[in-house]
Amino acid sequence: MSVNQDIFLIINSFANQNIAIDIIVIYIAKLTPFLFISIEIILFFIFKLKNEAIFSFYSMLLALLFSKTISLFYYHNRPFVDNLGISIVEHLPDSSFPSDHTTFMMAIVISFFFYSKTKKLFYMLFAIALLGGLSRIFVGVHYPFDILAAILVGGMSSFIIFKVSNKLQMINDYILNIESKIYKYFK
């Protein structure tokens, strides 16, 4: 057994012990990405932090591109494919490394760290994104290193987007110009 499998078995051993906890963790595992989509929408439309929302969206796209590229070149079984632990949700037996759900959430939340207007959001939401990742281990569809890799991919992507944000501002301006025209049209 590897350290990755040992840690997985410790976290996953809590599954199927209490139906109420299982239901809560399943909802966390499945729904936390939607929370981050909602946060993006709220930042853009309600709080008018449009650039920050767009940059975090770019970070998420880049992170998922990296994640899918990694999956093409490195295949890693999911725990249930290795007949390890208990899986309490259905999932395709595709590559588990890195976790797409966690990559998605971490790219968004870590990007908030780099912008002064959203830095407090990072501190509030990082734990939720981490809980979303850990819940994927609990339900039996990811190993701990899948989650760790997702955090690294999300962080790296956010950092890259932050470093090139001045160059991307032209695209943001174009998007915001179109958004303004649409808004005026429907006003």
Protein backbone atom coordinates (compact mmCIF):
# COMPACT_ATOMS: atom_id res chain seq x y z
CA MET A 1 0.00 0.00 0.00
CA SER A 2 1.09 3.54 -0.75
CA VAL A 3 0.74 6.64 1.41
CA ASN A 4 -1.89 7.87 -1.07
CA GLN A 5 -3.95 4.71 -0.56
CA ASP A 6 -3.44 4.71 3.22
CA ILE A 7 -4.71 8.28 3.59
CA PHE A 8 -7.59 7.50 1.23
CA LEU A 9 -8.64 4.54 3.37
CA ILE A 10 -8.56 6.62 6.56
CA ILE A 11 -10.82 9.35 5.10
CA ASN A 12 -13.04 6.94 3.18
CA SER A 13 -13.52 4.71 6.26
CA PHE A 14 -16.06 7.22 7.56
CA ALA A 15 -18.36 6.57 4.58
CA ASN A 16 -21.39 4.33 5.17
CA GLN A 17 -21.20 4.86 8.94
CA ASN A 18 -24.03 7.41 9.23
CA ILE A 19 -26.62 7.99 6.50
CA ALA A 20 -27.12 11.66 7.44
CA ILE A 21 -23.39 12.39 7.17
CA ASP A 22 -23.20 10.45 3.89
CA ILE A 23 -26.04 12.51 2.40
CA ILE A 24 -24.45 15.80 3.51
CA VAL A 25 -21.02 14.85 2.15
CA ILE A 26 -22.52 13.61 -1.15
CA TYR A 27 -24.23 16.99 -1.57
CA ILE A 28 -20.97 18.78 -0.77
CA ALA A 29 -19.08 16.59 -3.26
CA LYS A 30 -21.60 17.22 -6.03
CA LEU A 31 -22.76 20.79 -5.40
CA THR A 32 -19.75 22.84 -4.27
CA PRO A 33 -18.72 23.60 -7.88
CA PHE A 34 -22.14 25.20 -8.38
CA LEU A 35 -21.50 27.40 -5.34
CA PHE A 36 -18.38 28.73 -7.05
CA ILE A 37 -20.27 29.34 -10.30
CA SER A 38 -22.82 31.31 -8.28
CA ILE A 39 -20.05 33.32 -6.61
CA GLU A 40 -18.61 34.18 -10.03
CA ILE A 41 -22.03 35.41 -11.21
CA ILE A 42 -22.63 37.41 -8.01
CA LEU A 43 -19.17 39.01 -8.25
CA PHE A 44 -19.76 40.02 -11.85
CA PHE A 45 -23.37 41.21 -11.77
CA ILE A 46 -24.08 42.28 -8.18
CA PHE A 47 -20.76 43.39 -6.70
CA LYS A 48 -19.53 44.69 -10.08
CA LEU A 49 -16.10 43.12 -9.59
CA LYS A 50 -16.15 42.30 -13.26
CA ASN A 51 -12.41 42.13 -13.96
CA GLU A 52 -11.81 39.90 -10.94
CA ALA A 53 -14.66 37.60 -11.97
CA ILE A 54 -13.34 37.37 -15.53
CA PHE A 55 -9.76 36.73 -14.39
CA SER A 56 -10.91 33.95 -12.07
CA PHE A 57 -12.90 32.51 -14.99
CA TYR A 58 -9.74 32.54 -17.13
CA SER A 59 -7.88 30.82 -14.27
CA MET A 60 -10.52 28.11 -14.14
CA LEU A 61 -10.38 27.56 -17.91
CA LEU A 62 -6.59 27.35 -17.91
CA ALA A 63 -6.61 25.00 -14.91
CA LEU A 64 -9.10 22.66 -16.55
CA LEU A 65 -7.03 22.71 -19.74
CA PHE A 66 -3.95 21.72 -17.71
CA SER A 67 -5.98 19.07 -15.86
CA LYS A 68 -7.29 17.49 -19.05
CA THR A 69 -3.80 17.57 -20.59
CA ILE A 70 -2.35 15.82 -17.55
CA SER A 71 -5.10 13.19 -17.79
CA LEU A 72 -4.19 12.53 -21.42
CA PHE A 73 -0.59 11.73 -20.54
CA TYR A 74 -0.98 10.23 -17.07
CA TYR A 75 -3.79 7.82 -16.27
CA HIS A 76 -4.50 7.06 -12.64
CA ASN A 77 -7.23 4.69 -11.50
CA ARG A 78 -9.99 5.84 -9.24
CA PRO A 79 -10.10 4.06 -5.87
CA PHE A 80 -13.15 1.98 -6.80
CA VAL A 81 -11.35 0.77 -9.94
CA ASP A 82 -8.57 -0.46 -7.64
CA ASN A 83 -11.25 -2.15 -5.46
CA LEU A 84 -10.23 0.08 -2.58
CA GLY A 85 -12.58 1.49 0.02
CA ILE A 86 -16.26 2.22 -0.42
CA SER A 87 -17.76 4.28 -3.23
CA ILE A 88 -21.07 5.85 -2.22
CA VAL A 89 -21.63 7.71 -5.50
CA GLU A 90 -21.60 6.56 -9.11
CA HIS A 91 -18.73 7.76 -11.28
CA LEU A 92 -17.16 6.85 -14.60
CA PRO A 93 -13.94 4.83 -14.27
CA ASP A 94 -11.88 7.54 -16.01
CA SER A 95 -8.57 8.98 -14.79
CA SER A 96 -8.80 10.51 -11.35
CA PHE A 97 -5.65 12.63 -11.47
CA PRO A 98 -6.04 15.51 -10.87
CA SER A 99 -9.57 16.03 -9.58
CA ASP A 100 -11.51 18.19 -12.06
CA HIS A 101 -14.02 19.33 -9.43
CA THR A 102 -11.27 20.46 -7.08
CA THR A 103 -9.22 21.98 -9.91
CA PHE A 104 -12.28 24.00 -10.94
CA MET A 105 -12.96 25.31 -7.43
CA MET A 106 -9.35 25.95 -6.48
CA ALA A 107 -8.57 27.88 -9.66
CA ILE A 108 -11.46 30.23 -8.91
CA VAL A 109 -10.78 30.67 -5.20
CA ILE A 110 -6.99 30.94 -5.44
CA SER A 111 -7.35 33.62 -8.13
CA PHE A 112 -9.21 35.72 -5.54
CA PHE A 113 -6.01 35.82 -3.48
CA PHE A 114 -4.18 37.86 -6.12
CA TYR A 115 -6.63 40.79 -6.31
CA SER A 116 -7.08 43.20 -3.42
CA LYS A 117 -10.87 43.46 -3.83
CA THR A 118 -11.36 39.69 -3.58
CA LYS A 119 -8.57 38.68 -1.18
CA LYS A 120 -11.02 38.37 1.74
CA LEU A 121 -13.12 36.01 -0.38
CA PHE A 122 -10.09 33.77 -0.76
CA TYR A 123 -9.76 33.48 3.02
CA MET A 124 -13.48 32.75 3.40
CA LEU A 125 -13.84 30.29 0.52
CA PHE A 126 -10.59 28.32 0.46
CA ALA A 127 -11.80 26.06 3.28
CA ILE A 128 -15.05 25.40 1.41
CA ALA A 129 -13.16 24.47 -1.76
CA LEU A 130 -10.88 22.22 0.28
CA LEU A 131 -13.90 20.61 1.93
CA GLY A 132 -15.33 20.02 -1.54
CA GLY A 133 -12.11 18.25 -2.52
CA LEU A 134 -11.95 16.19 0.66
CA SER A 135 -15.57 15.16 0.18
CA ARG A 136 -14.53 13.56 -3.14
CA ILE A 137 -12.19 11.31 -1.14
CA PHE A 138 -14.88 10.54 1.44
CA VAL A 139 -17.36 9.40 -1.25
CA GLY A 140 -14.70 7.16 -2.81
CA VAL A 141 -13.98 8.74 -6.19
CA HIS A 142 -10.57 10.36 -5.57
CA TYR A 143 -7.29 9.71 -3.86
CA PRO A 144 -5.72 12.44 -1.67
CA PHE A 145 -2.95 13.11 -4.23
CA ASP A 146 -5.66 13.81 -6.85
CA ILE A 147 -6.88 16.62 -4.60
CA LEU A 148 -3.37 17.88 -3.83
CA ALA A 149 -2.54 17.96 -7.55
CA ALA A 150 -5.77 19.86 -8.23
CA ILE A 151 -4.81 22.49 -5.66
CA LEU A 152 -1.41 22.87 -7.31
CA VAL A 153 -2.88 23.07 -10.83
CA GLY A 154 -5.50 25.58 -9.70
CA GLY A 155 -2.88 27.69 -7.92
CA MET A 156 -0.43 27.58 -10.82
CA SER A 157 -3.15 28.58 -13.30
CA SER A 158 -4.32 31.43 -11.09
CA PHE A 159 -0.77 32.69 -10.73
CA ILE A 160 -0.18 32.56 -14.50
CA ILE A 161 -3.37 34.48 -15.21
CA PHE A 162 -2.47 37.05 -12.56
CA LYS A 163 0.98 37.53 -14.10
CA VAL A 164 -0.49 38.12 -17.59
CA SER A 165 -3.58 40.03 -16.42
CA ASN A 166 -2.29 43.31 -17.91
CA LYS A 167 -2.13 41.64 -21.32
CA LEU A 168 -5.56 40.05 -20.83
CA GLN A 169 -7.15 43.37 -19.85
CA MET A 170 -7.73 44.15 -23.54
CA ILE A 171 -9.92 41.04 -23.82
CA ASN A 172 -11.73 41.99 -20.61
CA ASP A 173 -12.39 45.48 -21.99
CA TYR A 174 -13.87 43.94 -25.13
CA ILE A 175 -16.09 41.59 -23.08
CA LEU A 176 -17.20 44.44 -20.82
CA ASN A 177 -17.97 46.63 -23.84
CA ILE A 178 -20.24 43.93 -25.25
CA GLU A 179 -21.84 43.41 -21.83
CA SER A 180 -22.52 47.15 -21.59
CA LYS A 181 -24.17 47.21 -25.03
CA ILE A 182 -26.36 44.23 -24.14
CA TYR A 183 -27.33 45.86 -20.86
CA LYS A 184 -28.27 49.13 -22.60
CA TYR A 185 -30.27 47.22 -25.22
CA PHE A 186 -32.42 45.54 -22.58
CA LYS A 187 -32.71 48.57 -20.32
